[in-house]
């Protein structure tokens, strides 16, 4: 039976949402447990903000959004390479990646090295793209992190943060970008270390690179970069490509 949402109640329980949508309460529990619906757990009960429910319904109606495409693609753990045609699309990738991490209750880490934008500009850009960075920072679920050694120290920096216990048992969604030319051997070594760090963890790592940087790589290096990661995201003005690396077939 469908019922209206309780008036003036901003923090809804699963029964409110189930009655409103006409689904079983167990379905709402599953959405919350699997990270499909943004929510919080108070004691042993799930709670959903009214605006989060509205956003959930809007995303369901527009399943072809970037966030909608990422949601079933990204796994926990994961280590993906993202390729963007230009800086604007790269920022779209960043925002969509973090919105999926937010929906799954994760801690979101934006590593900054050669960003042309300031932290405030990035925060404003994320907000425009639907990621409530200000609120997430207050909740302790989003951090901007200045990289001290982006050419090769990313695995150590990430591991150091985990050693501090910042995750508190949550999944951690870390975003790195390559916007300039880098030494490929150093980059591959770094990405292999990140892959090892991701194994058997709650880490989801996305490293994005601009096409103009990628165009200077030999074809063999591009193939090597794709195989080092568990998946590849390629976003251009003409479309989106998502692919997974499969284990070698047995003889």
C-alpha atoms as a PDB file:
ATOM      1  CA  UNK A   1       0.000   0.000   0.000  1.00  0.00           C
ATOM      2  CA  UNK A   2       1.371   3.400  -0.983  1.00  0.00           C
ATOM      3  CA  UNK A   3       1.399   6.131   1.684  1.00  0.00           C
ATOM      4  CA  UNK A   4       2.599   9.726   1.747  1.00  0.00           C
ATOM      5  CA  UNK A   5       5.817  10.505   3.562  1.00  0.00           C
ATOM      6  CA  UNK A   6       5.303  11.848   7.106  1.00  0.00           C
ATOM      7  CA  UNK A   7       5.107  15.649   7.004  1.00  0.00           C
ATOM      8  CA  UNK A   8       7.967  17.521   8.632  1.00  0.00           C
ATOM      9  CA  UNK A   9      10.034  14.354   9.146  1.00  0.00           C
ATOM     10  CA  UNK A  10      13.452  14.897   7.560  1.00  0.00           C
ATOM     11  CA  UNK A  11      15.082  11.688   8.786  1.00  0.00           C
ATOM     12  CA  UNK A  12      13.003   8.776   7.488  1.00  0.00           C
ATOM     13  CA  UNK A  13      13.088   5.172   8.651  1.00  0.00           C
ATOM     14  CA  UNK A  14      12.928   2.156   6.344  1.00  0.00           C
ATOM     15  CA  UNK A  15       9.227   1.627   7.030  1.00  0.00           C
ATOM     16  CA  UNK A  16       8.456   5.191   5.879  1.00  0.00           C
ATOM     17  CA  UNK A  17      10.363   4.619   2.628  1.00  0.00           C
ATOM     18  CA  UNK A  18       8.884   1.162   2.027  1.00  0.00           C
ATOM     19  CA  UNK A  19       5.318   2.455   2.503  1.00  0.00           C
ATOM     20  CA  UNK A  20       5.965   5.439   0.238  1.00  0.00           C
ATOM     21  CA  UNK A  21       7.429   3.331  -2.585  1.00  0.00           C
ATOM     22  CA  UNK A  22       5.109   0.366  -2.147  1.00  0.00           C
ATOM     23  CA  UNK A  23       7.921  -2.132  -1.655  1.00  0.00           C
ATOM     24  CA  UNK A  24       8.797  -4.566   1.119  1.00  0.00           C
ATOM     25  CA  UNK A  25      10.794  -3.147   4.024  1.00  0.00           C
ATOM     26  CA  UNK A  26      13.395  -5.858   3.334  1.00  0.00           C
ATOM     27  CA  UNK A  27      13.970  -4.283  -0.086  1.00  0.00           C
ATOM     28  CA  UNK A  28      14.829  -0.955   1.516  1.00  0.00           C
ATOM     29  CA  UNK A  29      17.133  -2.756   3.967  1.00  0.00           C
ATOM     30  CA  UNK A  30      18.937  -4.355   1.001  1.00  0.00           C
ATOM     31  CA  UNK A  31      19.303  -0.990  -0.777  1.00  0.00           C
ATOM     32  CA  UNK A  32      20.838   0.440   2.384  1.00  0.00           C
ATOM     33  CA  UNK A  33      23.078  -2.564   3.067  1.00  0.00           C
ATOM     34  CA  UNK A  34      24.372  -2.684  -0.548  1.00  0.00           C
ATOM     35  CA  UNK A  35      24.993   1.061  -0.697  1.00  0.00           C
ATOM     36  CA  UNK A  36      22.405   1.729  -3.398  1.00  0.00           C
ATOM     37  CA  UNK A  37      20.553   4.246  -1.216  1.00  0.00           C
ATOM     38  CA  UNK A  38      22.490   6.931   0.728  1.00  0.00           C
ATOM     39  CA  UNK A  39      21.706   6.385   4.393  1.00  0.00           C
ATOM     40  CA  UNK A  40      23.136   6.240   7.888  1.00  0.00           C
ATOM     41  CA  UNK A  41      22.890   3.674  10.644  1.00  0.00           C
ATOM     42  CA  UNK A  42      21.758   4.831  14.087  1.00  0.00           C
ATOM     43  CA  UNK A  43      22.025   2.075  16.681  1.00  0.00           C
ATOM     44  CA  UNK A  44      20.701  -0.905  14.683  1.00  0.00           C
ATOM     45  CA  UNK A  45      18.349   0.991  12.394  1.00  0.00           C
ATOM     46  CA  UNK A  46      18.838   2.590   8.993  1.00  0.00           C
ATOM     47  CA  UNK A  47      17.843   6.230   8.532  1.00  0.00           C
ATOM     48  CA  UNK A  48      17.400   8.015   5.185  1.00  0.00           C
ATOM     49  CA  UNK A  49      17.381  11.770   4.672  1.00  0.00           C
ATOM     50  CA  UNK A  50      14.356  12.997   2.741  1.00  0.00           C
ATOM     51  CA  UNK A  51      16.604  14.699   0.171  1.00  0.00           C
ATOM     52  CA  UNK A  52      18.645  11.483  -0.185  1.00  0.00           C
ATOM     53  CA  UNK A  53      15.465   9.582  -1.056  1.00  0.00           C
ATOM     54  CA  UNK A  54      14.577  12.217  -3.645  1.00  0.00           C
ATOM     55  CA  UNK A  55      18.063  11.941  -5.152  1.00  0.00           C
ATOM     56  CA  UNK A  56      17.778   8.131  -5.178  1.00  0.00           C
ATOM     57  CA  UNK A  57      14.500   8.312  -7.120  1.00  0.00           C
ATOM     58  CA  UNK A  58      15.933  10.851  -9.555  1.00  0.00           C
ATOM     59  CA  UNK A  59      18.949   8.638 -10.242  1.00  0.00           C
ATOM     60  CA  UNK A  60      16.678   5.641 -10.776  1.00  0.00           C
ATOM     61  CA  UNK A  61      14.694   7.599 -13.354  1.00  0.00           C
ATOM     62  CA  UNK A  62      17.918   8.627 -15.136  1.00  0.00           C
ATOM     63  CA  UNK A  63      19.835   5.343 -15.070  1.00  0.00           C
ATOM     64  CA  UNK A  64      22.070   6.410 -17.960  1.00  0.00           C
ATOM     65  CA  UNK A  65      23.850   9.077 -15.923  1.00  0.00           C
ATOM     66  CA  UNK A  66      27.568   8.658 -15.306  1.00  0.00           C
ATOM     67  CA  UNK A  67      26.850   7.798 -11.673  1.00  0.00           C
ATOM     68  CA  UNK A  68      24.266   5.241 -12.770  1.00  0.00           C
ATOM     69  CA  UNK A  69      26.784   3.574 -15.085  1.00  0.00           C
ATOM     70  CA  UNK A  70      29.527   3.557 -12.437  1.00  0.00           C
ATOM     71  CA  UNK A  71      27.379   2.088  -9.674  1.00  0.00           C
ATOM     72  CA  UNK A  72      27.312  -1.524 -10.955  1.00  0.00           C
ATOM     73  CA  UNK A  73      30.816  -1.272 -12.464  1.00  0.00           C
ATOM     74  CA  UNK A  74      32.896  -0.224  -9.455  1.00  0.00           C
ATOM     75  CA  UNK A  75      33.660  -2.946  -6.928  1.00  0.00           C
ATOM     76  CA  UNK A  76      35.083  -3.130  -3.402  1.00  0.00           C
ATOM     77  CA  UNK A  77      38.045  -3.551  -3.564  1.00  0.00           C
ATOM     78  CA  UNK A  78      38.999  -2.067  -6.940  1.00  0.00           C
ATOM     79  CA  UNK A  79      41.836  -0.307  -8.753  1.00  0.00           C
ATOM     80  CA  UNK A  80      40.732   1.324 -11.996  1.00  0.00           C
ATOM     81  CA  UNK A  81      42.373   3.473 -14.643  1.00  0.00           C
ATOM     82  CA  UNK A  82      40.214   6.330 -15.950  1.00  0.00           C
ATOM     83  CA  UNK A  83      40.972   8.164 -19.196  1.00  0.00           C
ATOM     84  CA  UNK A  84      39.317  11.506 -19.977  1.00  0.00           C
ATOM     85  CA  UNK A  85      39.307  13.474 -23.226  1.00  0.00           C
ATOM     86  CA  UNK A  86      39.652  16.813 -21.420  1.00  0.00           C
ATOM     87  CA  UNK A  87      39.850  18.368 -17.952  1.00  0.00           C
ATOM     88  CA  UNK A  88      36.109  18.968 -17.657  1.00  0.00           C
ATOM     89  CA  UNK A  89      35.344  15.314 -18.343  1.00  0.00           C
ATOM     90  CA  UNK A  90      38.080  14.310 -15.908  1.00  0.00           C
ATOM     91  CA  UNK A  91      36.324  16.339 -13.201  1.00  0.00           C
ATOM     92  CA  UNK A  92      33.045  14.627 -14.152  1.00  0.00           C
ATOM     93  CA  UNK A  93      34.753  11.265 -13.600  1.00  0.00           C
ATOM     94  CA  UNK A  94      36.019  12.400 -10.197  1.00  0.00           C
ATOM     95  CA  UNK A  95      32.574  13.582  -9.073  1.00  0.00           C
ATOM     96  CA  UNK A  96      30.767  10.437 -10.279  1.00  0.00           C
ATOM     97  CA  UNK A  97      33.367   8.203  -8.620  1.00  0.00           C
ATOM     98  CA  UNK A  98      32.929   9.974  -5.300  1.00  0.00           C
ATOM     99  CA  UNK A  99      29.135   9.977  -5.515  1.00  0.00           C
ATOM    100  CA  UNK A 100      29.153   6.197  -5.829  1.00  0.00           C
ATOM    101  CA  UNK A 101      31.549   6.019  -2.866  1.00  0.00           C
ATOM    102  CA  UNK A 102      29.265   8.297  -0.857  1.00  0.00           C
ATOM    103  CA  UNK A 103      26.244   6.099  -1.618  1.00  0.00           C
ATOM    104  CA  UNK A 104      28.169   3.084  -0.312  1.00  0.00           C
ATOM    105  CA  UNK A 105      29.019   4.817   2.941  1.00  0.00           C
ATOM    106  CA  UNK A 106      32.716   5.220   2.146  1.00  0.00           C
ATOM    107  CA  UNK A 107      35.420   7.665   3.187  1.00  0.00           C
ATOM    108  CA  UNK A 108      36.334   9.832   0.181  1.00  0.00           C
ATOM    109  CA  UNK A 109      39.936  11.002  -0.379  1.00  0.00           C
ATOM    110  CA  UNK A 110      40.817  13.536  -3.079  1.00  0.00           C
ATOM    111  CA  UNK A 111      44.599  13.546  -3.525  1.00  0.00           C
ATOM    112  CA  UNK A 112      45.912  16.812  -4.989  1.00  0.00           C
ATOM    113  CA  UNK A 113      49.252  17.348  -6.716  1.00  0.00           C
ATOM    114  CA  UNK A 114      49.247  19.242 -10.008  1.00  0.00           C
ATOM    115  CA  UNK A 115      45.653  20.500  -9.862  1.00  0.00           C
ATOM    116  CA  UNK A 116      45.297  23.882 -11.554  1.00  0.00           C
ATOM    117  CA  UNK A 117      42.241  24.609  -9.382  1.00  0.00           C
ATOM    118  CA  UNK A 118      42.401  25.520  -5.702  1.00  0.00           C
ATOM    119  CA  UNK A 119      40.774  23.426  -3.006  1.00  0.00           C
ATOM    120  CA  UNK A 120      37.873  25.902  -2.780  1.00  0.00           C
ATOM    121  CA  UNK A 121      37.387  25.805  -6.560  1.00  0.00           C
ATOM    122  CA  UNK A 122      37.373  22.009  -6.549  1.00  0.00           C
ATOM    123  CA  UNK A 123      34.906  21.987  -3.659  1.00  0.00           C
ATOM    124  CA  UNK A 124      32.578  24.334  -5.550  1.00  0.00           C
ATOM    125  CA  UNK A 125      32.906  22.244  -8.718  1.00  0.00           C
ATOM    126  CA  UNK A 126      32.030  19.045  -6.853  1.00  0.00           C
ATOM    127  CA  UNK A 127      29.015  20.737  -5.274  1.00  0.00           C
ATOM    128  CA  UNK A 128      27.759  21.775  -8.728  1.00  0.00           C
ATOM    129  CA  UNK A 129      28.055  18.172  -9.847  1.00  0.00           C
ATOM    130  CA  UNK A 130      25.896  16.886  -7.004  1.00  0.00           C
ATOM    131  CA  UNK A 131      28.543  15.918  -4.417  1.00  0.00           C
ATOM    132  CA  UNK A 132      27.847  17.646  -1.090  1.00  0.00           C
ATOM    133  CA  UNK A 133      31.483  18.089  -0.107  1.00  0.00           C
ATOM    134  CA  UNK A 134      30.785  20.609   2.660  1.00  0.00           C
ATOM    135  CA  UNK A 135      28.398  18.255   4.452  1.00  0.00           C
ATOM    136  CA  UNK A 136      30.666  15.240   3.907  1.00  0.00           C
ATOM    137  CA  UNK A 137      33.666  17.132   5.330  1.00  0.00           C
ATOM    138  CA  UNK A 138      31.664  17.979   8.463  1.00  0.00           C
ATOM    139  CA  UNK A 139      30.728  14.295   8.791  1.00  0.00           C
ATOM    140  CA  UNK A 140      34.394  13.308   8.447  1.00  0.00           C
ATOM    141  CA  UNK A 141      33.741  11.463   5.189  1.00  0.00           C
ATOM    142  CA  UNK A 142      35.647  13.647   2.690  1.00  0.00           C
ATOM    143  CA  UNK A 143      39.241  14.878   2.745  1.00  0.00           C
ATOM    144  CA  UNK A 144      41.403  16.917   0.410  1.00  0.00           C
ATOM    145  CA  UNK A 145      44.989  15.667   0.700  1.00  0.00           C
ATOM    146  CA  UNK A 146      48.054  17.475  -0.628  1.00  0.00           C
ATOM    147  CA  UNK A 147      50.457  14.976  -2.146  1.00  0.00           C
ATOM    148  CA  UNK A 148      54.059  15.312  -1.043  1.00  0.00           C
ATOM    149  CA  UNK A 149      55.516  12.970  -3.664  1.00  0.00           C
ATOM    150  CA  UNK A 150      52.959  12.193  -6.430  1.00  0.00           C
ATOM    151  CA  UNK A 151      55.566  10.722  -8.811  1.00  0.00           C
ATOM    152  CA  UNK A 152      56.076   7.637  -6.695  1.00  0.00           C
ATOM    153  CA  UNK A 153      54.884   8.003  -3.119  1.00  0.00           C
ATOM    154  CA  UNK A 154      51.140   7.530  -3.488  1.00  0.00           C
ATOM    155  CA  UNK A 155      50.965   3.971  -2.114  1.00  0.00           C
ATOM    156  CA  UNK A 156      52.982   5.009   0.946  1.00  0.00           C
ATOM    157  CA  UNK A 157      50.823   8.086   1.575  1.00  0.00           C
ATOM    158  CA  UNK A 158      47.628   6.072   1.293  1.00  0.00           C
ATOM    159  CA  UNK A 159      48.971   3.301   3.512  1.00  0.00           C
ATOM    160  CA  UNK A 160      50.083   5.868   6.075  1.00  0.00           C
ATOM    161  CA  UNK A 161      46.556   7.261   6.298  1.00  0.00           C
ATOM    162  CA  UNK A 162      45.100   3.789   6.723  1.00  0.00           C
ATOM    163  CA  UNK A 163      47.637   3.057   9.465  1.00  0.00           C
ATOM    164  CA  UNK A 164      46.277   6.136  11.284  1.00  0.00           C
ATOM    165  CA  UNK A 165      42.864   4.444  11.309  1.00  0.00           C
ATOM    166  CA  UNK A 166      41.048   7.135   9.350  1.00  0.00           C
ATOM    167  CA  UNK A 167      38.795   4.571   7.664  1.00  0.00           C
ATOM    168  CA  UNK A 168      37.111   3.365  10.891  1.00  0.00           C
ATOM    169  CA  UNK A 169      36.086   0.145   9.153  1.00  0.00           C
ATOM    170  CA  UNK A 170      34.564   1.897   6.132  1.00  0.00           C
ATOM    171  CA  UNK A 171      35.492   1.452   2.504  1.00  0.00           C
ATOM    172  CA  UNK A 172      37.981   4.094   1.314  1.00  0.00           C
ATOM    173  CA  UNK A 173      37.560   5.718  -2.113  1.00  0.00           C
ATOM    174  CA  UNK A 174      40.836   7.334  -3.202  1.00  0.00           C
ATOM    175  CA  UNK A 175      41.150   9.489  -6.305  1.00  0.00           C
ATOM    176  CA  UNK A 176      44.465  10.314  -8.003  1.00  0.00           C
ATOM    177  CA  UNK A 177      45.014  12.208 -11.265  1.00  0.00           C
ATOM    178  CA  UNK A 178      47.851  12.365 -13.793  1.00  0.00           C
ATOM    179  CA  UNK A 179      47.639  15.654 -15.672  1.00  0.00           C
ATOM    180  CA  UNK A 180      51.264  15.963 -16.700  1.00  0.00           C
ATOM    181  CA  UNK A 181      53.816  13.738 -18.362  1.00  0.00           C
ATOM    182  CA  UNK A 182      55.464  11.375 -15.892  1.00  0.00           C
ATOM    183  CA  UNK A 183      58.178   8.766 -16.002  1.00  0.00           C
ATOM    184  CA  UNK A 184      56.300   5.659 -17.092  1.00  0.00           C
ATOM    185  CA  UNK A 185      58.434   3.152 -15.210  1.00  0.00           C
ATOM    186  CA  UNK A 186      57.887   5.106 -11.998  1.00  0.00           C
ATOM    187  CA  UNK A 187      54.167   5.303 -12.738  1.00  0.00           C
ATOM    188  CA  UNK A 188      53.853   1.564 -13.437  1.00  0.00           C
ATOM    189  CA  UNK A 189      55.782   0.690 -10.296  1.00  0.00           C
ATOM    190  CA  UNK A 190      53.471   2.949  -8.298  1.00  0.00           C
ATOM    191  CA  UNK A 191      50.316   1.456  -9.807  1.00  0.00           C
ATOM    192  CA  UNK A 192      51.540  -2.090  -9.153  1.00  0.00           C
ATOM    193  CA  UNK A 193      52.104  -1.148  -5.506  1.00  0.00           C
ATOM    194  CA  UNK A 194      48.599   0.314  -5.336  1.00  0.00           C
ATOM    195  CA  UNK A 195      47.190  -2.911  -6.787  1.00  0.00           C
ATOM    196  CA  UNK A 196      48.925  -4.905  -4.048  1.00  0.00           C
ATOM    197  CA  UNK A 197      47.612  -2.486  -1.417  1.00  0.00           C
ATOM    198  CA  UNK A 198      44.066  -2.851  -2.749  1.00  0.00           C
ATOM    199  CA  UNK A 199      44.069  -6.669  -2.545  1.00  0.00           C
ATOM    200  CA  UNK A 200      41.981  -8.045   0.324  1.00  0.00           C
ATOM    201  CA  UNK A 201      41.068  -4.534   1.486  1.00  0.00           C
ATOM    202  CA  UNK A 202      38.143  -2.121   1.439  1.00  0.00           C
ATOM    203  CA  UNK A 203      40.017   0.209  -0.913  1.00  0.00           C
ATOM    204  CA  UNK A 204      38.652   1.569  -4.185  1.00  0.00           C
ATOM    205  CA  UNK A 205      41.318   3.493  -6.114  1.00  0.00           C
ATOM    206  CA  UNK A 206      40.801   5.495  -9.314  1.00  0.00           C
ATOM    207  CA  UNK A 207      43.742   6.997 -11.187  1.00  0.00           C
ATOM    208  CA  UNK A 208      42.695   9.318 -14.012  1.00  0.00           C
ATOM    209  CA  UNK A 209      44.817  10.509 -16.923  1.00  0.00           C
ATOM    210  CA  UNK A 210      44.131  12.988 -19.711  1.00  0.00           C
ATOM    211  CA  UNK A 211      44.117  11.720 -23.297  1.00  0.00           C
ATOM    212  CA  UNK A 212      46.742  14.290 -24.273  1.00  0.00           C
ATOM    213  CA  UNK A 213      49.158  12.670 -21.816  1.00  0.00           C
ATOM    214  CA  UNK A 214      48.155   9.175 -22.879  1.00  0.00           C
ATOM    215  CA  UNK A 215      48.651   9.970 -26.585  1.00  0.00           C
ATOM    216  CA  UNK A 216      52.392  10.228 -25.983  1.00  0.00           C
ATOM    217  CA  UNK A 217      52.619   6.696 -24.594  1.00  0.00           C
ATOM    218  CA  UNK A 218      53.721   3.853 -26.888  1.00  0.00           C
ATOM    219  CA  UNK A 219      50.919   1.356 -27.580  1.00  0.00           C
ATOM    220  CA  UNK A 220      52.688  -1.324 -25.557  1.00  0.00           C
ATOM    221  CA  UNK A 221      52.773   0.943 -22.505  1.00  0.00           C
ATOM    222  CA  UNK A 222      49.078   1.733 -22.830  1.00  0.00           C
ATOM    223  CA  UNK A 223      48.256  -1.989 -22.896  1.00  0.00           C
ATOM    224  CA  UNK A 224      50.523  -2.522 -19.906  1.00  0.00           C
ATOM    225  CA  UNK A 225      48.779   0.278 -17.997  1.00  0.00           C
ATOM    226  CA  UNK A 226      45.379  -1.268 -18.641  1.00  0.00           C
ATOM    227  CA  UNK A 227      46.470  -4.718 -17.457  1.00  0.00           C
ATOM    228  CA  UNK A 228      48.006  -3.317 -14.245  1.00  0.00           C
ATOM    229  CA  UNK A 229      44.517  -2.133 -13.239  1.00  0.00           C
ATOM    230  CA  UNK A 230      41.454  -4.266 -12.631  1.00  0.00           C
ATOM    231  CA  UNK A 231      39.298  -2.107 -14.899  1.00  0.00           C
ATOM    232  CA  UNK A 232      39.409   0.796 -17.342  1.00  0.00           C
ATOM    233  CA  UNK A 233      37.042   3.744 -17.749  1.00  0.00           C
ATOM    234  CA  UNK A 234      37.300   5.822 -20.927  1.00  0.00           C
ATOM    235  CA  UNK A 235      35.198   8.994 -21.197  1.00  0.00           C
ATOM    236  CA  UNK A 236      35.060  11.251 -24.256  1.00  0.00           C
ATOM    237  CA  UNK A 237      32.547  13.695 -25.705  1.00  0.00           C
ATOM    238  CA  UNK A 238      31.246  10.867 -27.896  1.00  0.00           C
ATOM    239  CA  UNK A 239      30.671   8.274 -25.175  1.00  0.00           C
ATOM    240  CA  UNK A 240      31.728   6.132 -22.230  1.00  0.00           C
ATOM    241  CA  UNK A 241      33.566   2.803 -22.311  1.00  0.00           C
ATOM    242  CA  UNK A 242      33.862   0.470 -19.301  1.00  0.00           C
ATOM    243  CA  UNK A 243      35.977  -2.669 -19.393  1.00  0.00           C
ATOM    244  CA  UNK A 244      37.345  -5.271 -16.990  1.00  0.00           C
ATOM    245  CA  UNK A 245      40.617  -7.195 -16.995  1.00  0.00           C
ATOM    246  CA  UNK A 246      39.968 -10.950 -16.905  1.00  0.00           C
ATOM    247  CA  UNK A 247      42.373 -13.500 -15.412  1.00  0.00           C
ATOM    248  CA  UNK A 248      44.421 -15.492 -17.954  1.00  0.00           C
ATOM    249  CA  UNK A 249      42.594 -18.483 -19.390  1.00  0.00           C
ATOM    250  CA  UNK A 250      43.980 -21.854 -18.350  1.00  0.00           C
ATOM    251  CA  UNK A 251      45.541 -24.084 -21.000  1.00  0.00           C
END
